[in-house]
Amino acid sequence: MSSSKAARIALSASAAAIGSIAAYWTLLATRQGHILFNARKLPVVPLSDDFSTYSHTVPGGMVRGYVYHPQGEEALQDLFIYFAGRGEDVRATAQTLHWLPEGFGFAAVNYRGVADSQGHPSEIASVQDACQFARHLRKAFPHARLHVVGRSLGTGVAIQLVARQEFASLQLVTPYDSMLEVAKKRFPLVPLSLLLRHQFNSLEHCKEVAAKTQVLLAETDDVVLPERSQKLIAAWPTPISVTTVPASDHHNIMGLEATWLHLVDFALTSVLPELKEA
């Protein structure tokens, strides 16, 4: 093979590689919201009559949510407002609520484009929807104490919500310092600092949080690496409780009884002076 022909082949291969990388970067830039939230339709998950439904209109359709209050609205004393992880259908998570004691409820919306919610997911949209949902819950359950819980991706939403509104407590399950830092592990060759629009910079947003806070960590976590959680914990502006859930990993932690017991115990502890006064 002549040197000129070899050079042409090498140039063609290089051009193809560059083209592939450019196409990949373009996909990440244009579809990053759907990729980040793992937005897709999911099979219907049946829920019991202990749930009421919620919805509000967004561009492209409806955001849908669910509220669990098995003893009725008047008996609801403490309400968890839950923000899910990537691609998580809150209807499936609701199957674990049998561990909640009497007086506790659970409320959650599916992010835009995820499961039965419509629209285009984004950081801004998820926080807007969270704020609107919280305002609805305050009106619907005026006597309930509201506790915010975020898991993984949802910790970024939860922190921004609690930075804007007052709540009885905030609990973060496998949190991270910023989505940019988490994504660098998955996409090491991509200039994410330039491309990523949904950075969920919890290090910055947590500066405005005043609520009593607990962090629940997984015993093993290969999605949100320990250093990402520890960096957020170290930067937290107020005293923070940190617990590792035994026998847990990033994926199964919300399906464990121990996780829910920790959530309930901290919620009750956060309002203990109020309960004593009552």
C-alpha atoms as a PDB file:
ATOM      1  CA  MET A   1       0.000   0.000   0.000  1.00  0.00           C
ATOM      2  CA  SER A   2       1.371   3.390  -0.967  1.00  0.00           C
ATOM      3  CA  SER A   3       1.986   6.007   1.672  1.00  0.00           C
ATOM      4  CA  SER A   4      -0.523   8.374   0.043  1.00  0.00           C
ATOM      5  CA  LYS A   5      -3.269   5.738   0.099  1.00  0.00           C
ATOM      6  CA  ALA A   6      -2.514   4.919   3.738  1.00  0.00           C
ATOM      7  CA  ALA A   7      -2.700   8.618   4.564  1.00  0.00           C
ATOM      8  CA  ARG A   8      -6.110   8.892   2.856  1.00  0.00           C
ATOM      9  CA  ILE A   9      -7.420   5.894   4.807  1.00  0.00           C
ATOM     10  CA  ALA A  10      -6.123   7.369   8.054  1.00  0.00           C
ATOM     11  CA  LEU A  11      -7.738  10.718   7.285  1.00  0.00           C
ATOM     12  CA  SER A  12     -11.042   9.020   6.422  1.00  0.00           C
ATOM     13  CA  ALA A  13     -10.956   7.053   9.670  1.00  0.00           C
ATOM     14  CA  SER A  14     -10.176  10.186  11.635  1.00  0.00           C
ATOM     15  CA  ALA A  15     -12.974  12.093   9.939  1.00  0.00           C
ATOM     16  CA  ALA A  16     -15.415   9.263  10.699  1.00  0.00           C
ATOM     17  CA  ALA A  17     -14.342   9.194  14.334  1.00  0.00           C
ATOM     18  CA  ILE A  18     -14.666  12.968  14.646  1.00  0.00           C
ATOM     19  CA  GLY A  19     -18.080  12.788  12.978  1.00  0.00           C
ATOM     20  CA  SER A  20     -19.235  10.119  15.424  1.00  0.00           C
ATOM     21  CA  ILE A  21     -18.034  12.135  18.397  1.00  0.00           C
ATOM     22  CA  ALA A  22     -19.725  15.260  17.069  1.00  0.00           C
ATOM     23  CA  ALA A  23     -22.986  13.359  16.521  1.00  0.00           C
ATOM     24  CA  TYR A  24     -22.775  11.952  20.053  1.00  0.00           C
ATOM     25  CA  TRP A  25     -22.160  15.375  21.533  1.00  0.00           C
ATOM     26  CA  THR A  26     -25.049  16.789  19.517  1.00  0.00           C
ATOM     27  CA  LEU A  27     -27.345  14.062  20.845  1.00  0.00           C
ATOM     28  CA  LEU A  28     -26.318  14.838  24.413  1.00  0.00           C
ATOM     29  CA  ALA A  29     -26.807  18.548  23.852  1.00  0.00           C
ATOM     30  CA  THR A  30     -30.260  18.249  22.262  1.00  0.00           C
ATOM     31  CA  ARG A  31     -31.696  15.310  24.226  1.00  0.00           C
ATOM     32  CA  GLN A  32     -29.929  15.730  27.534  1.00  0.00           C
ATOM     33  CA  GLY A  33     -33.124  16.375  29.472  1.00  0.00           C
ATOM     34  CA  HIS A  34     -34.623  13.056  28.355  1.00  0.00           C
ATOM     35  CA  ILE A  35     -31.305  11.267  28.930  1.00  0.00           C
ATOM     36  CA  LEU A  36     -30.751  12.775  32.376  1.00  0.00           C
ATOM     37  CA  PHE A  37     -34.271  12.002  33.620  1.00  0.00           C
ATOM     38  CA  ASN A  38     -34.493   8.730  31.634  1.00  0.00           C
ATOM     39  CA  ALA A  39     -37.820  10.010  30.371  1.00  0.00           C
ATOM     40  CA  ARG A  40     -40.028   7.250  28.985  1.00  0.00           C
ATOM     41  CA  LYS A  41     -43.508   5.850  29.335  1.00  0.00           C
ATOM     42  CA  LEU A  42     -43.877   3.011  31.823  1.00  0.00           C
ATOM     43  CA  PRO A  43     -46.571   0.371  32.369  1.00  0.00           C
ATOM     44  CA  VAL A  44     -49.525   1.342  34.522  1.00  0.00           C
ATOM     45  CA  VAL A  45     -49.016   0.570  38.203  1.00  0.00           C
ATOM     46  CA  PRO A  46     -52.342   0.040  40.000  1.00  0.00           C
ATOM     47  CA  LEU A  47     -52.805   1.919  43.253  1.00  0.00           C
ATOM     48  CA  SER A  48     -55.314   1.364  46.035  1.00  0.00           C
ATOM     49  CA  ASP A  49     -58.181   3.606  47.070  1.00  0.00           C
ATOM     50  CA  ASP A  50     -55.875   5.073  49.724  1.00  0.00           C
ATOM     51  CA  PHE A  51     -54.431   7.316  46.990  1.00  0.00           C
ATOM     52  CA  SER A  52     -55.844  10.475  45.492  1.00  0.00           C
ATOM     53  CA  THR A  53     -54.591  11.855  42.197  1.00  0.00           C
ATOM     54  CA  TYR A  54     -53.077  15.199  41.304  1.00  0.00           C
ATOM     55  CA  SER A  55     -52.317  16.916  38.005  1.00  0.00           C
ATOM     56  CA  HIS A  56     -51.435  20.270  36.525  1.00  0.00           C
ATOM     57  CA  THR A  57     -51.046  21.427  32.951  1.00  0.00           C
ATOM     58  CA  VAL A  58     -47.618  21.969  31.377  1.00  0.00           C
ATOM     59  CA  PRO A  59     -46.522  22.559  27.776  1.00  0.00           C
ATOM     60  CA  GLY A  60     -47.102  19.250  26.020  1.00  0.00           C
ATOM     61  CA  GLY A  61     -49.647  17.775  28.416  1.00  0.00           C
ATOM     62  CA  MET A  62     -50.040  17.063  32.128  1.00  0.00           C
ATOM     63  CA  VAL A  63     -47.810  16.395  35.115  1.00  0.00           C
ATOM     64  CA  ARG A  64     -49.389  13.680  37.252  1.00  0.00           C
ATOM     65  CA  GLY A  65     -48.926  12.865  40.897  1.00  0.00           C
ATOM     66  CA  TYR A  66     -50.347  10.841  43.764  1.00  0.00           C
ATOM     67  CA  VAL A  67     -51.092  11.422  47.435  1.00  0.00           C
ATOM     68  CA  TYR A  68     -51.329   8.574  49.949  1.00  0.00           C
ATOM     69  CA  HIS A  69     -53.450   9.270  53.037  1.00  0.00           C
ATOM     70  CA  PRO A  70     -54.968   5.965  54.154  1.00  0.00           C
ATOM     71  CA  GLN A  71     -56.674   7.292  57.281  1.00  0.00           C
ATOM     72  CA  GLY A  72     -58.247  10.200  55.425  1.00  0.00           C
ATOM     73  CA  GLU A  73     -57.346  13.858  55.121  1.00  0.00           C
ATOM     74  CA  GLU A  74     -58.241  14.807  58.698  1.00  0.00           C
ATOM     75  CA  ALA A  75     -56.006  12.110  60.220  1.00  0.00           C
ATOM     76  CA  LEU A  76     -52.939  13.148  58.222  1.00  0.00           C
ATOM     77  CA  GLN A  77     -50.346  14.645  60.556  1.00  0.00           C
ATOM     78  CA  ASP A  78     -47.066  14.310  58.633  1.00  0.00           C
ATOM     79  CA  LEU A  79     -46.703  14.220  54.859  1.00  0.00           C
ATOM     80  CA  PHE A  80     -43.600  13.178  52.942  1.00  0.00           C
ATOM     81  CA  ILE A  81     -43.217  15.050  49.638  1.00  0.00           C
ATOM     82  CA  TYR A  82     -40.996  12.757  47.612  1.00  0.00           C
ATOM     83  CA  PHE A  83     -38.793  13.519  44.609  1.00  0.00           C
ATOM     84  CA  ALA A  84     -37.700  10.429  42.755  1.00  0.00           C
ATOM     85  CA  GLY A  85     -34.490   9.188  41.236  1.00  0.00           C
ATOM     86  CA  ARG A  86     -33.688   8.947  37.529  1.00  0.00           C
ATOM     87  CA  GLY A  87     -36.369   7.095  35.565  1.00  0.00           C
ATOM     88  CA  GLU A  88     -38.252   6.175  38.743  1.00  0.00           C
ATOM     89  CA  ASP A  89     -42.031   5.824  38.573  1.00  0.00           C
ATOM     90  CA  VAL A  90     -43.402   7.098  41.875  1.00  0.00           C
ATOM     91  CA  ARG A  91     -46.353   4.741  41.506  1.00  0.00           C
ATOM     92  CA  ALA A  92     -43.919   1.837  41.891  1.00  0.00           C
ATOM     93  CA  THR A  93     -42.211   3.442  44.892  1.00  0.00           C
ATOM     94  CA  ALA A  94     -45.639   3.828  46.472  1.00  0.00           C
ATOM     95  CA  GLN A  95     -45.823   0.029  46.788  1.00  0.00           C
ATOM     96  CA  THR A  96     -43.462   0.267  49.807  1.00  0.00           C
ATOM     97  CA  LEU A  97     -45.612   2.601  51.878  1.00  0.00           C
ATOM     98  CA  HIS A  98     -46.938  -0.140  54.169  1.00  0.00           C
ATOM     99  CA  TRP A  99     -44.006   0.758  56.446  1.00  0.00           C
ATOM    100  CA  LEU A 100     -45.437   4.200  57.189  1.00  0.00           C
ATOM    101  CA  PRO A 101     -47.111   4.473  60.602  1.00  0.00           C
ATOM    102  CA  GLU A 102     -50.531   5.889  61.273  1.00  0.00           C
ATOM    103  CA  GLY A 103     -50.728   9.615  60.670  1.00  0.00           C
ATOM    104  CA  PHE A 104     -48.113   9.628  57.904  1.00  0.00           C
ATOM    105  CA  GLY A 105     -48.773  10.204  54.217  1.00  0.00           C
ATOM    106  CA  PHE A 106     -46.789  10.324  50.994  1.00  0.00           C
ATOM    107  CA  ALA A 107     -47.050  12.628  47.986  1.00  0.00           C
ATOM    108  CA  ALA A 108     -45.098  12.592  44.731  1.00  0.00           C
ATOM    109  CA  VAL A 109     -45.255  13.619  41.092  1.00  0.00           C
ATOM    110  CA  ASN A 110     -43.634  11.946  38.126  1.00  0.00           C
ATOM    111  CA  TYR A 111     -41.220  14.258  36.330  1.00  0.00           C
ATOM    112  CA  ARG A 112     -42.230  15.552  32.928  1.00  0.00           C
ATOM    113  CA  GLY A 113     -41.886  12.820  30.318  1.00  0.00           C
ATOM    114  CA  VAL A 114     -41.476  10.070  32.943  1.00  0.00           C
ATOM    115  CA  ALA A 115     -44.071   7.300  33.366  1.00  0.00           C
ATOM    116  CA  ASP A 116     -47.535   8.896  33.038  1.00  0.00           C
ATOM    117  CA  SER A 117     -46.432  12.552  33.068  1.00  0.00           C
ATOM    118  CA  GLN A 118     -46.095  14.465  29.809  1.00  0.00           C
ATOM    119  CA  GLY A 119     -43.947  17.334  28.619  1.00  0.00           C
ATOM    120  CA  HIS A 120     -40.199  17.841  28.330  1.00  0.00           C
ATOM    121  CA  PRO A 121     -38.066  17.252  31.442  1.00  0.00           C
ATOM    122  CA  SER A 122     -35.528  19.784  32.650  1.00  0.00           C
ATOM    123  CA  GLU A 123     -34.019  21.079  35.868  1.00  0.00           C
ATOM    124  CA  ILE A 124     -36.043  24.289  35.721  1.00  0.00           C
ATOM    125  CA  ALA A 125     -39.279  22.428  34.954  1.00  0.00           C
ATOM    126  CA  SER A 126     -38.809  19.904  37.763  1.00  0.00           C
ATOM    127  CA  VAL A 127     -38.286  22.654  40.336  1.00  0.00           C
ATOM    128  CA  GLN A 128     -41.250  24.662  39.026  1.00  0.00           C
ATOM    129  CA  ASP A 129     -43.475  21.588  39.228  1.00  0.00           C
ATOM    130  CA  ALA A 130     -42.196  20.834  42.743  1.00  0.00           C
ATOM    131  CA  CYS A 131     -43.046  24.334  43.943  1.00  0.00           C
ATOM    132  CA  GLN A 132     -46.524  24.178  42.421  1.00  0.00           C
ATOM    133  CA  PHE A 133     -47.157  20.722  43.914  1.00  0.00           C
ATOM    134  CA  ALA A 134     -46.039  21.876  47.372  1.00  0.00           C
ATOM    135  CA  ARG A 135     -48.344  24.888  47.224  1.00  0.00           C
ATOM    136  CA  HIS A 136     -51.233  22.569  46.329  1.00  0.00           C
ATOM    137  CA  LEU A 137     -50.455  20.263  49.256  1.00  0.00           C
ATOM    138  CA  ARG A 138     -50.360  23.165  51.721  1.00  0.00           C
ATOM    139  CA  LYS A 139     -53.885  24.130  50.665  1.00  0.00           C
ATOM    140  CA  ALA A 140     -55.208  20.556  50.499  1.00  0.00           C
ATOM    141  CA  PHE A 141     -53.725  19.491  53.861  1.00  0.00           C
ATOM    142  CA  PRO A 142     -53.417  22.690  55.902  1.00  0.00           C
ATOM    143  CA  HIS A 143     -52.914  20.889  59.221  1.00  0.00           C
ATOM    144  CA  ALA A 144     -50.211  18.442  58.062  1.00  0.00           C
ATOM    145  CA  ARG A 145     -46.507  18.955  58.676  1.00  0.00           C
ATOM    146  CA  LEU A 146     -44.660  18.774  55.361  1.00  0.00           C
ATOM    147  CA  HIS A 147     -41.361  16.893  55.069  1.00  0.00           C
ATOM    148  CA  VAL A 148     -39.360  16.873  51.839  1.00  0.00           C
ATOM    149  CA  VAL A 149     -37.547  13.700  50.751  1.00  0.00           C
ATOM    150  CA  GLY A 150     -35.323  13.491  47.679  1.00  0.00           C
ATOM    151  CA  ARG A 151     -33.597  10.454  46.268  1.00  0.00           C
ATOM    152  CA  SER A 152     -30.538  10.581  43.975  1.00  0.00           C
ATOM    153  CA  LEU A 153     -31.514  12.863  41.060  1.00  0.00           C
ATOM    154  CA  GLY A 154     -34.436  14.085  43.163  1.00  0.00           C
ATOM    155  CA  THR A 155     -32.155  15.431  45.886  1.00  0.00           C
ATOM    156  CA  GLY A 156     -31.283  18.260  43.516  1.00  0.00           C
ATOM    157  CA  VAL A 157     -34.983  19.094  43.157  1.00  0.00           C
ATOM    158  CA  ALA A 158     -35.640  18.732  46.891  1.00  0.00           C
ATOM    159  CA  ILE A 159     -32.823  21.081  47.874  1.00  0.00           C
ATOM    160  CA  GLN A 160     -33.996  23.806  45.511  1.00  0.00           C
ATOM    161  CA  LEU A 161     -37.582  23.473  46.758  1.00  0.00           C
ATOM    162  CA  VAL A 162     -36.565  23.741  50.424  1.00  0.00           C
ATOM    163  CA  ALA A 163     -34.366  26.726  49.552  1.00  0.00           C
ATOM    164  CA  ARG A 164     -37.538  28.477  48.332  1.00  0.00           C
ATOM    165  CA  GLN A 165     -40.191  27.350  50.830  1.00  0.00           C
ATOM    166  CA  GLU A 166     -40.340  26.433  54.522  1.00  0.00           C
ATOM    167  CA  PHE A 167     -40.730  22.772  55.537  1.00  0.00           C
ATOM    168  CA  ALA A 168     -40.571  20.758  58.760  1.00  0.00           C
ATOM    169  CA  SER A 169     -37.569  18.738  57.555  1.00  0.00           C
ATOM    170  CA  LEU A 170     -35.455  17.763  54.551  1.00  0.00           C
ATOM    171  CA  GLN A 171     -34.108  14.249  53.964  1.00  0.00           C
ATOM    172  CA  LEU A 172     -31.694  13.365  51.181  1.00  0.00           C
ATOM    173  CA  VAL A 173     -31.162   9.769  50.056  1.00  0.00           C
ATOM    174  CA  THR A 174     -27.865   9.186  48.175  1.00  0.00           C
ATOM    175  CA  PRO A 175     -27.345  12.891  47.351  1.00  0.00           C
ATOM    176  CA  TYR A 176     -24.622  14.475  45.206  1.00  0.00           C
ATOM    177  CA  ASP A 177     -22.834  17.808  45.110  1.00  0.00           C
ATOM    178  CA  SER A 178     -23.675  18.581  41.478  1.00  0.00           C
ATOM    179  CA  MET A 179     -24.961  16.631  38.512  1.00  0.00           C
ATOM    180  CA  LEU A 180     -22.024  17.923  36.497  1.00  0.00           C
ATOM    181  CA  GLU A 181     -19.595  16.065  38.754  1.00  0.00           C
ATOM    182  CA  VAL A 182     -21.692  12.883  38.695  1.00  0.00           C
ATOM    183  CA  ALA A 183     -22.017  12.969  34.900  1.00  0.00           C
ATOM    184  CA  LYS A 184     -18.263  13.364  34.394  1.00  0.00           C
ATOM    185  CA  LYS A 185     -17.861   9.758  35.581  1.00  0.00           C
ATOM    186  CA  ARG A 186     -20.279   8.463  32.945  1.00  0.00           C
ATOM    187  CA  PHE A 187     -19.171  10.714  30.075  1.00  0.00           C
ATOM    188  CA  PRO A 188     -15.435  11.297  30.687  1.00  0.00           C
ATOM    189  CA  LEU A 189     -14.631  12.472  27.146  1.00  0.00           C
ATOM    190  CA  VAL A 190     -17.480  14.963  26.811  1.00  0.00           C
ATOM    191  CA  PRO A 191     -17.025  18.708  27.545  1.00  0.00           C
ATOM    192  CA  LEU A 192     -19.943  18.634  29.984  1.00  0.00           C
ATOM    193  CA  SER A 193     -19.162  21.985  31.541  1.00  0.00           C
ATOM    194  CA  LEU A 194     -20.068  23.486  28.161  1.00  0.00           C
ATOM    195  CA  LEU A 195     -22.925  21.148  27.174  1.00  0.00           C
ATOM    196  CA  LEU A 196     -24.794  20.289  30.378  1.00  0.00           C
ATOM    197  CA  ARG A 197     -27.708  22.656  30.972  1.00  0.00           C
ATOM    198  CA  HIS A 198     -29.227  20.756  33.895  1.00  0.00           C
ATOM    199  CA  GLN A 199     -26.375  20.898  36.395  1.00  0.00           C
ATOM    200  CA  PHE A 200     -28.333  20.637  39.675  1.00  0.00           C
ATOM    201  CA  ASN A 201     -25.603  22.466  41.568  1.00  0.00           C
ATOM    202  CA  SER A 202     -26.655  21.456  45.058  1.00  0.00           C
ATOM    203  CA  LEU A 203     -23.467  22.903  46.551  1.00  0.00           C
ATOM    204  CA  GLU A 204     -24.715  26.334  45.571  1.00  0.00           C
ATOM    205  CA  HIS A 205     -28.427  25.889  46.291  1.00  0.00           C
ATOM    206  CA  CYS A 206     -27.917  24.351  49.749  1.00  0.00           C
ATOM    207  CA  LYS A 207     -26.649  27.700  51.035  1.00  0.00           C
ATOM    208  CA  GLU A 208     -30.288  28.839  51.272  1.00  0.00           C
ATOM    209  CA  VAL A 209     -31.560  25.767  53.160  1.00  0.00           C
ATOM    210  CA  ALA A 210     -32.547  26.259  56.807  1.00  0.00           C
ATOM    211  CA  ALA A 211     -34.593  23.086  57.412  1.00  0.00           C
ATOM    212  CA  LYS A 212     -33.413  20.306  59.705  1.00  0.00           C
ATOM    213  CA  THR A 213     -31.656  17.841  57.410  1.00  0.00           C
ATOM    214  CA  GLN A 214     -30.778  14.170  57.327  1.00  0.00           C
ATOM    215  CA  VAL A 215     -28.714  12.312  54.720  1.00  0.00           C
ATOM    216  CA  LEU A 216     -29.172   8.596  54.146  1.00  0.00           C
ATOM    217  CA  LEU A 217     -26.287   6.916  52.336  1.00  0.00           C
ATOM    218  CA  ALA A 218     -26.175   3.499  50.692  1.00  0.00           C
ATOM    219  CA  GLU A 219     -23.696   0.997  52.055  1.00  0.00           C
ATOM    220  CA  THR A 220     -22.421   0.489  48.497  1.00  0.00           C
ATOM    221  CA  ASP A 221     -23.030   3.018  45.737  1.00  0.00           C
ATOM    222  CA  ASP A 222     -21.495   2.872  42.272  1.00  0.00           C
ATOM    223  CA  VAL A 223     -23.772   5.570  40.811  1.00  0.00           C
ATOM    224  CA  VAL A 224     -23.314   8.473  43.211  1.00  0.00           C
ATOM    225  CA  LEU A 225     -19.799   7.877  44.472  1.00  0.00           C
ATOM    226  CA  PRO A 226     -19.187   8.500  48.202  1.00  0.00           C
ATOM    227  CA  GLU A 227     -16.996  11.518  47.524  1.00  0.00           C
ATOM    228  CA  ARG A 228     -19.880  13.263  45.753  1.00  0.00           C
ATOM    229  CA  SER A 229     -22.140  12.851  48.805  1.00  0.00           C
ATOM    230  CA  GLN A 230     -19.378  13.728  51.252  1.00  0.00           C
ATOM    231  CA  LYS A 231     -18.568  16.951  49.462  1.00  0.00           C
ATOM    232  CA  LEU A 232     -22.193  18.080  49.810  1.00  0.00           C
ATOM    233  CA  ILE A 233     -22.314  17.028  53.467  1.00  0.00           C
ATOM    234  CA  ALA A 234     -19.126  18.964  54.214  1.00  0.00           C
ATOM    235  CA  ALA A 235     -20.597  22.107  52.648  1.00  0.00           C
ATOM    236  CA  TRP A 236     -23.986  21.926  54.401  1.00  0.00           C
ATOM    237  CA  PRO A 237     -24.739  25.251  56.108  1.00  0.00           C
ATOM    238  CA  THR A 238     -26.522  23.838  59.190  1.00  0.00           C
ATOM    239  CA  PRO A 239     -26.056  20.775  61.460  1.00  0.00           C
ATOM    240  CA  ILE A 240     -26.811  17.622  59.474  1.00  0.00           C
ATOM    241  CA  SER A 241     -27.508  14.029  60.485  1.00  0.00           C
ATOM    242  CA  VAL A 242     -25.812  11.347  58.356  1.00  0.00           C
ATOM    243  CA  THR A 243     -26.727   7.639  58.438  1.00  0.00           C
ATOM    244  CA  THR A 244     -25.667   4.687  56.280  1.00  0.00           C
ATOM    245  CA  VAL A 245     -28.440   2.163  55.645  1.00  0.00           C
ATOM    246  CA  PRO A 246     -27.096  -1.389  56.093  1.00  0.00           C
ATOM    247  CA  ALA A 247     -27.279  -3.851  53.172  1.00  0.00           C
ATOM    248  CA  SER A 248     -28.314  -1.073  50.790  1.00  0.00           C
ATOM    249  CA  ASP A 249     -27.099   0.020  47.384  1.00  0.00           C
ATOM    250  CA  HIS A 250     -28.050   2.876  45.099  1.00  0.00           C
ATOM    251  CA  HIS A 251     -30.901   0.942  43.512  1.00  0.00           C
ATOM    252  CA  ASN A 252     -32.539  -0.932  46.385  1.00  0.00           C
ATOM    253  CA  ILE A 253     -32.357   1.635  49.170  1.00  0.00           C
ATOM    254  CA  MET A 254     -35.952   2.875  48.845  1.00  0.00           C
ATOM    255  CA  GLY A 255     -37.222  -0.697  48.968  1.00  0.00           C
ATOM    256  CA  LEU A 256     -35.808  -1.383  52.426  1.00  0.00           C
ATOM    257  CA  GLU A 257     -37.782  -1.137  55.652  1.00  0.00           C
ATOM    258  CA  ALA A 258     -34.789   0.401  57.429  1.00  0.00           C
ATOM    259  CA  THR A 259     -34.823   3.376  55.054  1.00  0.00           C
ATOM    260  CA  TRP A 260     -38.448   4.180  55.793  1.00  0.00           C
ATOM    261  CA  LEU A 261     -37.934   3.777  59.540  1.00  0.00           C
ATOM    262  CA  HIS A 262     -35.062   6.287  59.380  1.00  0.00           C
ATOM    263  CA  LEU A 263     -37.230   8.708  57.402  1.00  0.00           C
ATOM    264  CA  VAL A 264     -40.099   8.446  59.877  1.00  0.00           C
ATOM    265  CA  ASP A 265     -37.869   8.701  62.962  1.00  0.00           C
ATOM    266  CA  PHE A 266     -36.129  11.828  61.698  1.00  0.00           C
ATOM    267  CA  ALA A 267     -39.418  13.457  60.693  1.00  0.00           C
ATOM    268  CA  LEU A 268     -40.813  12.887  64.179  1.00  0.00           C
ATOM    269  CA  THR A 269     -37.599  14.092  65.817  1.00  0.00           C
ATOM    270  CA  SER A 270     -37.640  17.275  63.747  1.00  0.00           C
ATOM    271  CA  VAL A 271     -41.040  18.244  65.156  1.00  0.00           C
ATOM    272  CA  LEU A 272     -40.516  16.879  68.697  1.00  0.00           C
ATOM    273  CA  PRO A 273     -40.773  20.258  70.501  1.00  0.00           C
ATOM    274  CA  GLU A 274     -44.033  20.927  68.658  1.00  0.00           C
ATOM    275  CA  LEU A 275     -45.398  17.519  69.662  1.00  0.00           C
ATOM    276  CA  LYS A 276     -44.485  18.102  73.315  1.00  0.00           C
ATOM    277  CA  GLU A 277     -46.265  21.452  73.296  1.00  0.00           C
ATOM    278  CA  ALA A 278     -49.370  19.824  71.805  1.00  0.00           C
END
